[in-house]
């Protein structure tokens, strides 16, 4: 017997059960030379913080090398570099923070032009049927951002929703799921 496809269900609020892990927000060990902090908040369509969410990050190291062992380019030699981070909370204030290094440039799709330094982001939150995917670019990488093929595919009027602002110890990147200033999400 073949069964009908069941409808999607919301992805939470069950984030504290088995998803977050100790030190999950540390893409590099705290104290790594050149480390930065990226902090921000997740907002709903009414500009209210979302208290329960899971946000994941994936990136290369400062030389553009990944931490994986699957043969995607040269493997990172940065001590303790995971290339992956996860921050999740079930009853928070909508904020997140990661400790990482600024990523290096990597080739574009199909070994195309170099992409600007960026971090890939996946977000799941209460009330959402599917995850959303976005990127964090950096405001102090203007030349690289202008050359990035993925960023160039985004309408110019919306690109600023993908750009993290510099702070004294790193960057700020807020994510707006809907409404004014809605973050650009990629269909992958």
C-alpha atoms as a PDB file:
ATOM      1  CA  UNK A   1       0.000   0.000   0.000  1.00  0.00           C
ATOM      2  CA  UNK A   2       1.269   3.496  -0.837  1.00  0.00           C
ATOM      3  CA  UNK A   3       0.422   6.177   1.691  1.00  0.00           C
ATOM      4  CA  UNK A   4      -0.360   9.823   1.029  1.00  0.00           C
ATOM      5  CA  UNK A   5       2.296  12.405   1.798  1.00  0.00           C
ATOM      6  CA  UNK A   6       1.696  13.899   5.219  1.00  0.00           C
ATOM      7  CA  UNK A   7       1.666  17.673   5.683  1.00  0.00           C
ATOM      8  CA  UNK A   8       4.664  19.541   7.074  1.00  0.00           C
ATOM      9  CA  UNK A   9       4.711  20.260  10.765  1.00  0.00           C
ATOM     10  CA  UNK A  10       6.302  23.197  12.528  1.00  0.00           C
ATOM     11  CA  UNK A  11       9.910  22.620  13.564  1.00  0.00           C
ATOM     12  CA  UNK A  12       9.610  23.569  17.225  1.00  0.00           C
ATOM     13  CA  UNK A  13       9.618  24.419  20.046  1.00  0.00           C
ATOM     14  CA  UNK A  14      11.760  21.375  20.802  1.00  0.00           C
ATOM     15  CA  UNK A  15      15.207  22.841  20.261  1.00  0.00           C
ATOM     16  CA  UNK A  16      16.640  22.056  23.684  1.00  0.00           C
ATOM     17  CA  UNK A  17      16.170  18.333  23.137  1.00  0.00           C
ATOM     18  CA  UNK A  18      19.253  16.941  21.444  1.00  0.00           C
ATOM     19  CA  UNK A  19      20.008  19.739  18.982  1.00  0.00           C
ATOM     20  CA  UNK A  20      22.255  22.243  20.797  1.00  0.00           C
ATOM     21  CA  UNK A  21      25.536  20.956  22.183  1.00  0.00           C
ATOM     22  CA  UNK A  22      28.026  22.417  24.683  1.00  0.00           C
ATOM     23  CA  UNK A  23      30.256  24.964  22.998  1.00  0.00           C
ATOM     24  CA  UNK A  24      28.190  24.749  19.834  1.00  0.00           C
ATOM     25  CA  UNK A  25      28.600  28.461  19.238  1.00  0.00           C
ATOM     26  CA  UNK A  26      32.403  28.136  19.166  1.00  0.00           C
ATOM     27  CA  UNK A  27      33.476  27.635  15.569  1.00  0.00           C
ATOM     28  CA  UNK A  28      37.005  28.231  16.867  1.00  0.00           C
ATOM     29  CA  UNK A  29      38.113  27.856  20.497  1.00  0.00           C
ATOM     30  CA  UNK A  30      37.704  31.053  22.504  1.00  0.00           C
ATOM     31  CA  UNK A  31      41.065  32.814  22.520  1.00  0.00           C
ATOM     32  CA  UNK A  32      42.037  31.813  18.950  1.00  0.00           C
ATOM     33  CA  UNK A  33      44.213  34.528  17.360  1.00  0.00           C
ATOM     34  CA  UNK A  34      42.110  36.644  15.016  1.00  0.00           C
ATOM     35  CA  UNK A  35      38.810  35.484  16.484  1.00  0.00           C
ATOM     36  CA  UNK A  36      35.702  37.605  16.065  1.00  0.00           C
ATOM     37  CA  UNK A  37      32.281  37.526  17.646  1.00  0.00           C
ATOM     38  CA  UNK A  38      29.158  37.726  15.538  1.00  0.00           C
ATOM     39  CA  UNK A  39      26.054  38.538  17.533  1.00  0.00           C
ATOM     40  CA  UNK A  40      22.519  39.366  16.574  1.00  0.00           C
ATOM     41  CA  UNK A  41      18.855  38.703  17.143  1.00  0.00           C
ATOM     42  CA  UNK A  42      16.133  36.848  15.274  1.00  0.00           C
ATOM     43  CA  UNK A  43      12.930  38.857  14.687  1.00  0.00           C
ATOM     44  CA  UNK A  44       9.438  37.920  13.509  1.00  0.00           C
ATOM     45  CA  UNK A  45       7.219  39.966  11.170  1.00  0.00           C
ATOM     46  CA  UNK A  46       6.190  42.312  13.997  1.00  0.00           C
ATOM     47  CA  UNK A  47       9.843  43.066  14.829  1.00  0.00           C
ATOM     48  CA  UNK A  48       9.538  41.026  18.042  1.00  0.00           C
ATOM     49  CA  UNK A  49      12.419  38.749  19.081  1.00  0.00           C
ATOM     50  CA  UNK A  50      11.815  35.026  18.575  1.00  0.00           C
ATOM     51  CA  UNK A  51      12.690  33.310  21.880  1.00  0.00           C
ATOM     52  CA  UNK A  52      13.105  29.756  20.580  1.00  0.00           C
ATOM     53  CA  UNK A  53      15.268  29.030  17.569  1.00  0.00           C
ATOM     54  CA  UNK A  54      18.211  27.051  16.270  1.00  0.00           C
ATOM     55  CA  UNK A  55      20.726  28.785  14.042  1.00  0.00           C
ATOM     56  CA  UNK A  56      23.588  26.956  12.317  1.00  0.00           C
ATOM     57  CA  UNK A  57      26.710  28.339  10.666  1.00  0.00           C
ATOM     58  CA  UNK A  58      29.104  26.794   8.139  1.00  0.00           C
ATOM     59  CA  UNK A  59      32.232  28.456   6.793  1.00  0.00           C
ATOM     60  CA  UNK A  60      35.858  28.107   5.662  1.00  0.00           C
ATOM     61  CA  UNK A  61      38.773  29.380   7.749  1.00  0.00           C
ATOM     62  CA  UNK A  62      40.587  32.645   6.975  1.00  0.00           C
ATOM     63  CA  UNK A  63      42.532  30.956   4.167  1.00  0.00           C
ATOM     64  CA  UNK A  64      39.381  29.641   2.483  1.00  0.00           C
ATOM     65  CA  UNK A  65      39.901  26.054   3.671  1.00  0.00           C
ATOM     66  CA  UNK A  66      37.135  23.946   5.160  1.00  0.00           C
ATOM     67  CA  UNK A  67      37.296  21.711   8.216  1.00  0.00           C
ATOM     68  CA  UNK A  68      35.712  18.708   6.509  1.00  0.00           C
ATOM     69  CA  UNK A  69      37.645  15.650   5.477  1.00  0.00           C
ATOM     70  CA  UNK A  70      35.649  14.955   2.313  1.00  0.00           C
ATOM     71  CA  UNK A  71      38.186  16.430  -0.062  1.00  0.00           C
ATOM     72  CA  UNK A  72      36.575  19.814  -0.773  1.00  0.00           C
ATOM     73  CA  UNK A  73      39.771  21.729  -1.438  1.00  0.00           C
ATOM     74  CA  UNK A  74      42.544  21.879   1.117  1.00  0.00           C
ATOM     75  CA  UNK A  75      41.618  21.016   4.688  1.00  0.00           C
ATOM     76  CA  UNK A  76      41.978  23.740   7.325  1.00  0.00           C
ATOM     77  CA  UNK A  77      45.070  23.613   9.519  1.00  0.00           C
ATOM     78  CA  UNK A  78      43.762  26.216  12.006  1.00  0.00           C
ATOM     79  CA  UNK A  79      43.927  24.510  15.445  1.00  0.00           C
ATOM     80  CA  UNK A  80      40.458  23.726  16.789  1.00  0.00           C
ATOM     81  CA  UNK A  81      38.649  25.070  13.712  1.00  0.00           C
ATOM     82  CA  UNK A  82      35.357  23.196  13.239  1.00  0.00           C
ATOM     83  CA  UNK A  83      33.885  25.254  10.428  1.00  0.00           C
ATOM     84  CA  UNK A  84      30.451  24.564  11.899  1.00  0.00           C
ATOM     85  CA  UNK A  85      28.569  26.107  14.779  1.00  0.00           C
ATOM     86  CA  UNK A  86      25.102  25.802  16.241  1.00  0.00           C
ATOM     87  CA  UNK A  87      23.306  28.038  18.687  1.00  0.00           C
ATOM     88  CA  UNK A  88      19.932  26.952  19.933  1.00  0.00           C
ATOM     89  CA  UNK A  89      17.707  27.889  22.797  1.00  0.00           C
ATOM     90  CA  UNK A  90      14.136  27.162  23.750  1.00  0.00           C
ATOM     91  CA  UNK A  91      13.368  30.054  26.088  1.00  0.00           C
ATOM     92  CA  UNK A  92      15.638  32.955  25.228  1.00  0.00           C
ATOM     93  CA  UNK A  93      15.499  36.585  24.246  1.00  0.00           C
ATOM     94  CA  UNK A  94      15.910  36.040  20.492  1.00  0.00           C
ATOM     95  CA  UNK A  95      19.644  36.640  20.478  1.00  0.00           C
ATOM     96  CA  UNK A  96      22.600  34.506  19.409  1.00  0.00           C
ATOM     97  CA  UNK A  97      26.384  34.799  19.420  1.00  0.00           C
ATOM     98  CA  UNK A  98      29.158  32.827  17.745  1.00  0.00           C
ATOM     99  CA  UNK A  99      32.938  32.925  18.098  1.00  0.00           C
ATOM    100  CA  UNK A 100      34.768  32.391  14.826  1.00  0.00           C
ATOM    101  CA  UNK A 101      37.348  33.810  12.428  1.00  0.00           C
ATOM    102  CA  UNK A 102      36.520  35.854   9.363  1.00  0.00           C
ATOM    103  CA  UNK A 103      36.245  33.389   6.472  1.00  0.00           C
ATOM    104  CA  UNK A 104      38.465  33.558   3.415  1.00  0.00           C
ATOM    105  CA  UNK A 105      37.300  33.698  -0.165  1.00  0.00           C
ATOM    106  CA  UNK A 106      36.263  30.496  -1.947  1.00  0.00           C
ATOM    107  CA  UNK A 107      35.467  29.769  -5.608  1.00  0.00           C
ATOM    108  CA  UNK A 108      31.935  30.398  -6.788  1.00  0.00           C
ATOM    109  CA  UNK A 109      29.569  27.780  -8.162  1.00  0.00           C
ATOM    110  CA  UNK A 110      31.146  25.506 -10.801  1.00  0.00           C
ATOM    111  CA  UNK A 111      34.610  26.798  -9.836  1.00  0.00           C
ATOM    112  CA  UNK A 112      33.519  30.291 -10.883  1.00  0.00           C
ATOM    113  CA  UNK A 113      34.746  33.694  -9.704  1.00  0.00           C
ATOM    114  CA  UNK A 114      35.776  34.020  -6.073  1.00  0.00           C
ATOM    115  CA  UNK A 115      33.002  34.688  -3.600  1.00  0.00           C
ATOM    116  CA  UNK A 116      33.370  37.364  -0.942  1.00  0.00           C
ATOM    117  CA  UNK A 117      34.067  36.204   2.616  1.00  0.00           C
ATOM    118  CA  UNK A 118      30.754  34.906   3.927  1.00  0.00           C
ATOM    119  CA  UNK A 119      29.179  32.488   6.381  1.00  0.00           C
ATOM    120  CA  UNK A 120      26.307  30.219   5.362  1.00  0.00           C
ATOM    121  CA  UNK A 121      23.411  30.272   7.824  1.00  0.00           C
ATOM    122  CA  UNK A 122      20.437  27.973   8.418  1.00  0.00           C
ATOM    123  CA  UNK A 123      17.657  29.013  10.778  1.00  0.00           C
ATOM    124  CA  UNK A 124      14.791  27.029  12.258  1.00  0.00           C
ATOM    125  CA  UNK A 125      12.270  28.593  14.623  1.00  0.00           C
ATOM    126  CA  UNK A 126       8.884  28.124  16.238  1.00  0.00           C
ATOM    127  CA  UNK A 127       6.022  28.353  13.781  1.00  0.00           C
ATOM    128  CA  UNK A 128       8.123  27.723  10.676  1.00  0.00           C
ATOM    129  CA  UNK A 129       7.331  24.798   8.410  1.00  0.00           C
ATOM    130  CA  UNK A 130      10.775  24.725   6.800  1.00  0.00           C
ATOM    131  CA  UNK A 131      14.230  26.031   7.559  1.00  0.00           C
ATOM    132  CA  UNK A 132      15.452  29.218   5.911  1.00  0.00           C
ATOM    133  CA  UNK A 133      18.941  29.709   4.486  1.00  0.00           C
ATOM    134  CA  UNK A 134      20.853  32.966   4.219  1.00  0.00           C
ATOM    135  CA  UNK A 135      24.416  34.297   4.273  1.00  0.00           C
ATOM    136  CA  UNK A 136      26.411  36.723   6.359  1.00  0.00           C
ATOM    137  CA  UNK A 137      28.672  39.055   4.387  1.00  0.00           C
ATOM    138  CA  UNK A 138      30.890  41.729   5.983  1.00  0.00           C
ATOM    139  CA  UNK A 139      30.585  45.493   5.520  1.00  0.00           C
ATOM    140  CA  UNK A 140      34.369  45.982   5.508  1.00  0.00           C
ATOM    141  CA  UNK A 141      34.765  43.755   2.422  1.00  0.00           C
ATOM    142  CA  UNK A 142      33.275  46.214  -0.096  1.00  0.00           C
ATOM    143  CA  UNK A 143      35.495  45.238  -3.050  1.00  0.00           C
ATOM    144  CA  UNK A 144      35.017  41.495  -2.514  1.00  0.00           C
ATOM    145  CA  UNK A 145      31.266  41.997  -2.003  1.00  0.00           C
ATOM    146  CA  UNK A 146      31.063  43.869  -5.320  1.00  0.00           C
ATOM    147  CA  UNK A 147      32.687  40.885  -7.075  1.00  0.00           C
ATOM    148  CA  UNK A 148      30.626  38.146  -5.379  1.00  0.00           C
ATOM    149  CA  UNK A 149      28.423  36.296  -7.917  1.00  0.00           C
ATOM    150  CA  UNK A 150      25.824  35.201  -5.346  1.00  0.00           C
ATOM    151  CA  UNK A 151      25.481  38.637  -3.760  1.00  0.00           C
ATOM    152  CA  UNK A 152      25.208  40.135  -7.252  1.00  0.00           C
ATOM    153  CA  UNK A 153      22.152  37.905  -7.867  1.00  0.00           C
ATOM    154  CA  UNK A 154      20.294  39.692  -5.047  1.00  0.00           C
ATOM    155  CA  UNK A 155      18.436  42.930  -5.939  1.00  0.00           C
ATOM    156  CA  UNK A 156      20.624  45.898  -4.956  1.00  0.00           C
ATOM    157  CA  UNK A 157      17.861  47.299  -2.728  1.00  0.00           C
ATOM    158  CA  UNK A 158      17.932  44.144  -0.564  1.00  0.00           C
ATOM    159  CA  UNK A 159      21.662  43.354  -0.346  1.00  0.00           C
ATOM    160  CA  UNK A 160      22.071  45.273   2.904  1.00  0.00           C
ATOM    161  CA  UNK A 161      20.000  42.592   4.671  1.00  0.00           C
ATOM    162  CA  UNK A 162      22.955  40.233   4.128  1.00  0.00           C
ATOM    163  CA  UNK A 163      25.692  42.565   5.381  1.00  0.00           C
ATOM    164  CA  UNK A 164      26.954  42.365   8.975  1.00  0.00           C
ATOM    165  CA  UNK A 165      27.877  45.664  10.642  1.00  0.00           C
ATOM    166  CA  UNK A 166      31.259  46.031  12.353  1.00  0.00           C
ATOM    167  CA  UNK A 167      31.303  46.356  16.148  1.00  0.00           C
ATOM    168  CA  UNK A 168      34.278  46.852  18.508  1.00  0.00           C
ATOM    169  CA  UNK A 169      34.780  43.076  18.952  1.00  0.00           C
ATOM    170  CA  UNK A 170      33.316  41.661  15.759  1.00  0.00           C
ATOM    171  CA  UNK A 171      30.052  42.094  13.879  1.00  0.00           C
ATOM    172  CA  UNK A 172      26.301  42.416  14.337  1.00  0.00           C
ATOM    173  CA  UNK A 173      23.918  40.529  12.077  1.00  0.00           C
ATOM    174  CA  UNK A 174      20.172  40.522  12.779  1.00  0.00           C
ATOM    175  CA  UNK A 175      17.752  38.285  10.913  1.00  0.00           C
ATOM    176  CA  UNK A 176      14.223  39.484  10.121  1.00  0.00           C
ATOM    177  CA  UNK A 177      11.934  36.655   9.029  1.00  0.00           C
ATOM    178  CA  UNK A 178       9.240  38.936   7.589  1.00  0.00           C
ATOM    179  CA  UNK A 179       8.185  42.537   7.267  1.00  0.00           C
ATOM    180  CA  UNK A 180      10.229  45.691   6.819  1.00  0.00           C
ATOM    181  CA  UNK A 181      13.878  44.840   6.235  1.00  0.00           C
ATOM    182  CA  UNK A 182      13.161  41.134   5.737  1.00  0.00           C
ATOM    183  CA  UNK A 183      16.429  39.233   5.349  1.00  0.00           C
ATOM    184  CA  UNK A 184      17.086  37.706   1.942  1.00  0.00           C
ATOM    185  CA  UNK A 185      16.681  33.928   2.072  1.00  0.00           C
ATOM    186  CA  UNK A 186      17.991  31.599  -0.614  1.00  0.00           C
ATOM    187  CA  UNK A 187      15.982  28.839  -2.236  1.00  0.00           C
ATOM    188  CA  UNK A 188      18.270  25.801  -2.188  1.00  0.00           C
END
